[in-house]
Amino acid sequence: PRLLAGAVIDRPCKQGAIRSVKILFLHGWHSVPGGVKPTFLAEKGHDVINPAIPDDDFVEAVRLAQALCNQHGPDVIAGSSRGGAVAMAVECGNIPLVLLCPAWKFWGQKATVKQGTTILHSRADEVVPFAHSLELLGRSNLPDSALVEVGDDHRLADPVSLAAMLDACLKSRT
């Protein structure tokens, strides 16, 4: 398994580990590839495609994410904050989404997500209101269980949030 972000990080998969999941991870606004969340996923033995998506051109960010989705055929697309809005705009068929504090009301074109999407969000998020994820849940007719309340800020980089993200990525592919 590896992290594809400009540099490739090879990590051996542990004996008896669950099959590696290929994850297209879309970072947030003013974030960079190789951050805490995609590195955590790679260190757990999964293949993570983690491109630098442009901050100032949403259409180009979606175009790049779409091309990578088409090229790599990931098992799941995960998007953090603005990356969540990008993930929502990618036409990815049945590939499930895992959205972390999705900034869909600030960036983007879509106001609903498909069934099978998981949303992780903190009520203490100081950037994207938790109410936005509640609204997205309702607009999309997702079950209440699709919204996982976790973490104590916008980053969702604490151990419990990282574990919840990994769990959502693993569950979404089944």
Protein backbone atom coordinates (compact mmCIF):
# COMPACT_ATOMS: atom_id res chain seq x y z
CA PRO A 1 0.00 0.00 0.00
CA ARG A 2 1.14 3.50 -0.71
CA LEU A 3 0.30 7.16 -0.52
CA LEU A 4 0.29 8.78 -3.96
CA ALA A 5 0.80 12.48 -3.46
CA GLY A 6 3.85 13.38 -5.41
CA ALA A 7 5.88 11.02 -3.27
CA VAL A 8 5.08 7.35 -2.85
CA ILE A 9 5.20 5.84 0.61
CA ASP A 10 5.28 2.04 0.65
CA ARG A 11 3.93 0.35 3.75
CA PRO A 12 3.80 -3.43 4.09
CA CYS A 13 0.36 -4.81 4.84
CA LYS A 14 0.21 -6.69 8.17
CA GLN A 15 -0.31 -10.45 8.12
CA GLY A 16 -3.99 -11.26 8.38
CA ALA A 17 -4.99 -7.66 7.64
CA ILE A 18 -8.20 -6.80 5.86
CA ARG A 19 -7.78 -6.40 2.10
CA SER A 20 -6.30 -3.06 1.23
CA VAL A 21 -8.81 -0.39 0.21
CA LYS A 22 -8.00 2.07 -2.57
CA ILE A 23 -9.03 5.54 -1.37
CA LEU A 24 -9.10 8.77 -3.35
CA PHE A 25 -8.57 11.35 -0.58
CA LEU A 26 -9.41 14.97 -1.45
CA HIS A 27 -7.92 17.50 0.96
CA GLY A 28 -9.50 20.70 2.19
CA TRP A 29 -8.94 24.32 1.23
CA HIS A 30 -5.37 25.48 1.90
CA SER A 31 -4.42 21.93 2.88
CA VAL A 32 -1.80 19.85 1.13
CA PRO A 33 -1.33 16.22 0.13
CA GLY A 34 0.30 14.00 2.72
CA GLY A 35 -1.57 15.41 5.69
CA VAL A 36 -2.55 13.61 8.88
CA LYS A 37 -5.69 11.90 7.55
CA PRO A 38 -4.38 10.42 4.27
CA THR A 39 -1.11 9.43 5.95
CA PHE A 40 -3.08 7.66 8.70
CA LEU A 41 -5.00 5.67 6.08
CA ALA A 42 -1.80 4.73 4.23
CA GLU A 43 -0.11 3.69 7.48
CA LYS A 44 -3.05 1.36 8.13
CA GLY A 45 -2.19 -0.47 4.92
CA HIS A 46 -4.44 1.18 2.34
CA ASP A 47 -3.64 2.65 -1.06
CA VAL A 48 -4.32 6.38 -0.89
CA ILE A 49 -4.43 8.64 -3.94
CA ASN A 50 -3.98 12.11 -2.47
CA PRO A 51 -3.61 14.78 -5.17
CA ALA A 52 -2.93 18.46 -4.77
CA ILE A 53 -6.22 20.01 -5.78
CA PRO A 54 -6.27 23.71 -6.64
CA ASP A 55 -7.64 26.07 -3.99
CA ASP A 56 -8.73 28.85 -6.33
CA ASP A 57 -10.49 26.91 -9.10
CA PHE A 58 -13.30 24.62 -7.97
CA VAL A 59 -14.10 23.46 -11.51
CA GLU A 60 -10.46 22.45 -12.05
CA ALA A 61 -10.41 20.68 -8.67
CA VAL A 62 -13.45 18.62 -9.73
CA ARG A 63 -11.92 17.94 -13.16
CA LEU A 64 -8.71 16.64 -11.56
CA ALA A 65 -10.59 14.50 -9.03
CA GLN A 66 -12.80 13.11 -11.80
CA ALA A 67 -9.76 12.19 -13.92
CA LEU A 68 -8.13 10.42 -10.96
CA CYS A 69 -11.36 8.58 -10.17
CA ASN A 70 -11.59 7.43 -13.78
CA GLN A 71 -7.91 6.46 -13.89
CA HIS A 72 -7.58 4.65 -10.54
CA GLY A 73 -11.11 3.31 -9.89
CA PRO A 74 -10.97 3.76 -6.11
CA ASP A 75 -13.07 1.71 -3.72
CA VAL A 76 -14.06 4.87 -1.84
CA ILE A 77 -13.70 8.64 -2.22
CA ALA A 78 -13.01 10.56 0.98
CA GLY A 79 -13.17 14.34 1.07
CA SER A 80 -12.35 16.71 3.89
CA SER A 81 -14.12 20.10 4.09
CA ARG A 82 -13.78 21.65 0.61
CA GLY A 83 -12.54 18.26 -0.57
CA GLY A 84 -15.92 16.92 0.52
CA ALA A 85 -17.65 19.39 -1.80
CA VAL A 86 -15.30 18.29 -4.59
CA ALA A 87 -16.07 14.63 -3.85
CA MET A 88 -19.80 15.37 -4.05
CA ALA A 89 -19.33 16.83 -7.55
CA VAL A 90 -17.39 13.87 -8.96
CA GLU A 91 -19.48 11.49 -11.08
CA CYS A 92 -18.27 8.22 -9.61
CA GLY A 93 -21.11 5.78 -10.13
CA ASN A 94 -21.46 3.41 -7.19
CA ILE A 95 -18.21 4.41 -5.51
CA PRO A 96 -19.17 5.38 -1.94
CA LEU A 97 -18.29 8.71 -0.36
CA VAL A 98 -16.88 9.41 3.09
CA LEU A 99 -17.23 13.13 3.81
CA LEU A 100 -15.47 14.84 6.70
CA CYS A 101 -17.06 18.16 7.71
CA PRO A 102 -18.15 18.69 4.10
CA ALA A 103 -18.18 22.36 3.06
CA TRP A 104 -20.87 21.85 0.42
CA LYS A 105 -22.69 25.10 1.26
CA PHE A 106 -19.48 27.14 0.80
CA TRP A 107 -18.07 25.36 -2.24
CA GLY A 108 -19.69 23.34 -4.89
CA GLN A 109 -22.63 22.62 -6.99
CA LYS A 110 -24.36 19.69 -5.31
CA ALA A 111 -26.84 19.84 -2.45
CA THR A 112 -27.43 16.09 -2.06
CA VAL A 113 -25.36 12.92 -1.90
CA LYS A 114 -26.10 9.36 -2.93
CA GLN A 115 -27.18 6.56 -0.65
CA GLY A 116 -24.25 4.83 1.01
CA THR A 117 -22.48 8.10 1.83
CA THR A 118 -21.07 8.50 5.34
CA ILE A 119 -20.60 11.95 6.87
CA LEU A 120 -18.28 12.55 9.83
CA HIS A 121 -18.63 15.90 11.60
CA SER A 122 -18.02 17.54 14.98
CA ARG A 123 -20.64 19.68 16.68
CA ALA A 124 -17.70 21.85 17.82
CA ASP A 125 -16.56 22.52 14.23
CA GLU A 126 -15.61 26.20 14.08
CA VAL A 127 -15.44 26.35 10.26
CA VAL A 128 -18.35 24.35 8.85
CA PRO A 129 -21.47 24.31 11.04
CA PHE A 130 -22.66 20.86 12.10
CA ALA A 131 -26.13 21.99 10.97
CA HIS A 132 -24.88 21.88 7.35
CA SER A 133 -24.31 18.13 7.66
CA LEU A 134 -27.71 17.66 9.29
CA GLU A 135 -29.25 19.52 6.34
CA LEU A 136 -27.29 17.41 3.83
CA LEU A 137 -28.47 14.24 5.61
CA GLY A 138 -32.10 15.35 5.31
CA ARG A 139 -31.86 16.62 1.71
CA SER A 140 -30.31 13.31 0.68
CA ASN A 141 -32.77 11.08 2.57
CA LEU A 142 -29.88 9.33 4.30
CA PRO A 143 -30.52 7.37 7.49
CA ASP A 144 -29.50 9.07 10.74
CA SER A 145 -26.71 6.50 11.07
CA ALA A 146 -25.00 8.02 7.99
CA LEU A 147 -23.98 11.04 10.09
CA VAL A 148 -21.28 10.18 12.63
CA GLU A 149 -20.69 12.81 15.28
CA VAL A 150 -17.02 12.70 16.18
CA GLY A 151 -14.13 14.96 17.13
CA ASP A 152 -13.84 18.31 18.84
CA ASP A 153 -12.92 20.62 15.97
CA HIS A 154 -12.92 21.02 12.18
CA ARG A 155 -9.75 19.04 11.52
CA LEU A 156 -10.96 15.65 12.79
CA ALA A 157 -7.30 14.71 13.31
CA ASP A 158 -7.62 13.26 16.82
CA PRO A 159 -7.26 9.47 17.29
CA VAL A 160 -10.99 8.80 17.71
CA SER A 161 -11.86 10.78 14.56
CA LEU A 162 -9.11 9.07 12.55
CA ALA A 163 -10.38 5.66 13.66
CA ALA A 164 -13.95 6.65 12.71
CA MET A 165 -12.74 7.76 9.26
CA LEU A 166 -10.94 4.46 8.73
CA ASP A 167 -14.00 2.53 9.88
CA ALA A 168 -16.23 4.50 7.49
CA CYS A 169 -13.86 3.80 4.57
CA LEU A 170 -13.79 0.09 5.37
CA LYS A 171 -17.56 -0.20 5.87
CA SER A 172 -18.37 1.79 2.75
CA ARG A 173 -16.76 -0.75 0.44
CA THR A 174 -18.84 -3.70 1.59
